[in-house]
């Protein structure tokens, strides 16, 4: 399952919840980080309208300077 939060976060979680990760824009690679497992699972439930909207703690990179 994938969770996209606007242009801020693109995260995933395997169907068995054994692995969670997110796309690191600076590294241009997926980063496995299971400490966000609960937040990503909750975000997916919210997106599927199975839970009420709530605040999520997800990895958000700092903004870049406009070029």
N, C-alpha and C. Protein backbone atom coordinates (compact mmCIF):
# COMPACT_ATOMS: atom_id res chain seq x y z
N UNK A 1 0.83 -1.18 0.00
CA UNK A 1 0.00 0.00 0.00
C UNK A 1 0.88 1.24 0.00
N UNK A 2 0.44 2.25 -0.73
CA UNK A 2 1.17 3.52 -0.79
C UNK A 2 0.33 4.62 -0.16
N UNK A 3 1.00 5.57 0.48
CA UNK A 3 0.35 6.72 1.08
C UNK A 3 1.05 7.96 0.54
N UNK A 4 0.28 8.82 -0.12
CA UNK A 4 0.83 10.09 -0.61
C UNK A 4 0.13 11.21 0.15
N UNK A 5 0.93 12.10 0.71
CA UNK A 5 0.41 13.27 1.42
C UNK A 5 0.85 14.49 0.63
N UNK A 6 0.01 14.91 -0.32
CA UNK A 6 0.34 16.06 -1.17
C UNK A 6 1.67 15.86 -1.85
N UNK A 7 2.49 16.93 -1.84
CA UNK A 7 3.85 16.86 -2.38
C UNK A 7 4.86 16.66 -1.27
N UNK A 8 4.40 16.34 -0.07
CA UNK A 8 5.28 16.25 1.09
C UNK A 8 5.88 14.87 1.31
N UNK A 9 5.04 13.83 1.24
CA UNK A 9 5.49 12.49 1.62
C UNK A 9 4.92 11.45 0.66
N UNK A 10 5.76 10.51 0.28
CA UNK A 10 5.32 9.31 -0.42
C UNK A 10 5.87 8.14 0.39
N UNK A 11 4.96 7.41 1.02
CA UNK A 11 5.36 6.31 1.89
C UNK A 11 4.67 5.03 1.44
N UNK A 12 5.19 3.90 1.91
CA UNK A 12 4.58 2.61 1.59
C UNK A 12 4.61 1.72 2.81
N UNK A 13 3.74 0.71 2.76
CA UNK A 13 3.74 -0.32 3.79
C UNK A 13 3.30 -1.62 3.12
N UNK A 14 4.04 -2.69 3.37
CA UNK A 14 3.67 -3.97 2.79
C UNK A 14 2.33 -4.42 3.38
N UNK A 15 1.63 -5.27 2.66
CA UNK A 15 0.31 -5.70 3.09
C UNK A 15 0.32 -6.42 4.43
N UNK A 16 1.44 -7.09 4.76
CA UNK A 16 1.52 -7.76 6.06
C UNK A 16 2.11 -6.87 7.15
N UNK A 17 2.33 -5.59 6.83
CA UNK A 17 2.84 -4.57 7.76
C UNK A 17 4.25 -4.89 8.27
N UNK A 18 4.97 -5.74 7.58
CA UNK A 18 6.31 -6.11 8.04
C UNK A 18 7.37 -5.09 7.63
N UNK A 19 7.07 -4.25 6.64
CA UNK A 19 8.05 -3.26 6.18
C UNK A 19 7.34 -1.96 5.83
N UNK A 20 7.94 -0.86 6.28
CA UNK A 20 7.42 0.47 6.01
C UNK A 20 8.58 1.33 5.57
N UNK A 21 8.33 2.22 4.63
CA UNK A 21 9.39 3.10 4.16
C UNK A 21 8.83 4.32 3.47
N UNK A 22 9.74 5.16 3.00
CA UNK A 22 9.34 6.39 2.31
C UNK A 22 10.37 6.74 1.25
N UNK A 23 9.97 7.61 0.31
CA UNK A 23 10.85 8.06 -0.75
C UNK A 23 11.64 9.25 -0.25
N UNK A 24 12.97 9.15 -0.29
CA UNK A 24 13.85 10.26 0.08
C UNK A 24 14.22 11.00 -1.20
N UNK A 25 13.70 12.21 -1.33
CA UNK A 25 13.89 12.98 -2.56
C UNK A 25 15.37 13.33 -2.78
N UNK A 26 16.09 13.65 -1.71
CA UNK A 26 17.50 14.02 -1.85
C UNK A 26 18.36 12.84 -2.28
N UNK A 27 18.10 11.67 -1.72
CA UNK A 27 18.87 10.46 -2.07
C UNK A 27 18.37 9.80 -3.35
N UNK A 28 17.13 10.19 -3.77
CA UNK A 28 16.48 9.56 -4.92
C UNK A 28 16.41 8.05 -4.73
N UNK A 29 15.95 7.64 -3.53
CA UNK A 29 15.87 6.22 -3.21
C UNK A 29 14.83 5.99 -2.12
N UNK A 30 14.32 4.74 -2.07
CA UNK A 30 13.42 4.36 -1.00
C UNK A 30 14.22 4.10 0.26
N UNK A 31 13.70 4.53 1.39
CA UNK A 31 14.33 4.32 2.69
C UNK A 31 13.39 3.48 3.54
N UNK A 32 13.87 2.33 4.00
CA UNK A 32 13.07 1.49 4.88
C UNK A 32 13.22 2.03 6.29
N UNK A 33 12.10 2.38 6.93
CA UNK A 33 12.13 2.94 8.28
C UNK A 33 10.84 2.54 8.99
N UNK A 34 10.91 1.45 9.72
CA UNK A 34 9.72 0.89 10.37
C UNK A 34 9.23 1.69 11.57
N UNK A 35 9.96 2.74 11.98
CA UNK A 35 9.47 3.53 13.11
C UNK A 35 8.23 4.34 12.72
N UNK A 36 7.95 4.47 11.42
CA UNK A 36 6.75 5.17 10.96
C UNK A 36 5.60 4.21 10.63
N UNK A 37 5.72 2.95 11.01
CA UNK A 37 4.74 1.93 10.65
C UNK A 37 3.34 2.29 11.13
N UNK A 38 3.19 2.71 12.37
CA UNK A 38 1.87 3.02 12.90
C UNK A 38 1.27 4.23 12.19
N UNK A 39 2.06 5.27 11.96
CA UNK A 39 1.57 6.48 11.31
C UNK A 39 1.16 6.21 9.87
N UNK A 40 1.95 5.43 9.14
CA UNK A 40 1.61 5.11 7.75
C UNK A 40 0.35 4.25 7.72
N UNK A 41 0.24 3.28 8.61
CA UNK A 41 -0.97 2.45 8.66
C UNK A 41 -2.20 3.30 8.96
N UNK A 42 -2.07 4.25 9.88
CA UNK A 42 -3.18 5.13 10.20
C UNK A 42 -3.52 6.04 9.01
N UNK A 43 -2.49 6.55 8.33
CA UNK A 43 -2.72 7.38 7.16
C UNK A 43 -3.43 6.63 6.05
N UNK A 44 -3.07 5.39 5.84
CA UNK A 44 -3.74 4.56 4.83
C UNK A 44 -5.20 4.33 5.23
N UNK A 45 -5.45 4.09 6.51
CA UNK A 45 -6.83 3.91 6.98
C UNK A 45 -7.64 5.20 6.78
N UNK A 46 -7.04 6.34 7.04
CA UNK A 46 -7.72 7.62 6.83
C UNK A 46 -8.03 7.81 5.35
N UNK A 47 -7.06 7.52 4.49
CA UNK A 47 -7.26 7.67 3.04
C UNK A 47 -8.37 6.75 2.53
N UNK A 48 -8.50 5.58 3.15
CA UNK A 48 -9.54 4.62 2.76
C UNK A 48 -10.86 4.87 3.47
N UNK A 49 -10.94 5.99 4.21
CA UNK A 49 -12.15 6.38 4.95
C UNK A 49 -12.55 5.33 5.98
N UNK A 50 -11.54 4.67 6.57
CA UNK A 50 -11.77 3.69 7.62
C UNK A 50 -11.45 4.25 8.99
N UNK A 51 -10.95 5.49 9.03
CA UNK A 51 -10.60 6.17 10.28
C UNK A 51 -10.83 7.66 10.09
N UNK A 52 -11.05 8.34 11.20
CA UNK A 52 -11.27 9.79 11.16
C UNK A 52 -9.94 10.50 10.90
N UNK A 53 -9.96 11.66 10.22
CA UNK A 53 -8.74 12.43 10.00
C UNK A 53 -8.05 12.76 11.32
N UNK A 54 -6.74 12.72 11.30
CA UNK A 54 -5.95 12.96 12.51
C UNK A 54 -4.58 13.46 12.10
N UNK A 55 -3.82 13.93 13.06
CA UNK A 55 -2.45 14.38 12.82
C UNK A 55 -1.55 13.15 12.75
N UNK A 56 -0.67 13.11 11.75
CA UNK A 56 0.24 11.99 11.56
C UNK A 56 1.68 12.45 11.71
N UNK A 57 2.51 11.64 12.32
CA UNK A 57 3.95 11.93 12.42
C UNK A 57 4.65 11.16 11.31
N UNK A 58 4.96 11.88 10.22
CA UNK A 58 5.59 11.28 9.05
C UNK A 58 6.88 12.01 8.72
N UNK A 59 7.80 11.36 8.00
CA UNK A 59 9.07 12.03 7.64
C UNK A 59 8.85 13.07 6.55
N UNK A 60 9.02 14.33 6.88
CA UNK A 60 8.87 15.42 5.92
C UNK A 60 10.21 16.12 5.82
N UNK A 61 10.72 16.25 4.59
CA UNK A 61 12.01 16.92 4.41
C UNK A 61 11.83 18.42 4.51
N UNK A 62 12.90 19.10 4.87
CA UNK A 62 12.87 20.55 4.97
C UNK A 62 12.68 21.17 3.60
N UNK A 63 12.04 22.31 3.53
CA UNK A 63 11.83 22.94 2.22
C UNK A 63 13.15 23.37 1.59
N UNK A 64 13.15 23.38 0.25
CA UNK A 64 14.34 23.80 -0.49
C UNK A 64 14.21 25.25 -0.91
N UNK A 65 15.34 25.89 -1.15
CA UNK A 65 15.35 27.24 -1.64
C UNK A 65 14.95 27.22 -3.10
N UNK A 66 14.07 28.13 -3.50
CA UNK A 66 13.63 28.20 -4.90
C UNK A 66 14.80 28.60 -5.78
N UNK A 67 14.86 28.02 -6.98
CA UNK A 67 15.96 28.29 -7.89
C UNK A 67 15.50 29.19 -9.00
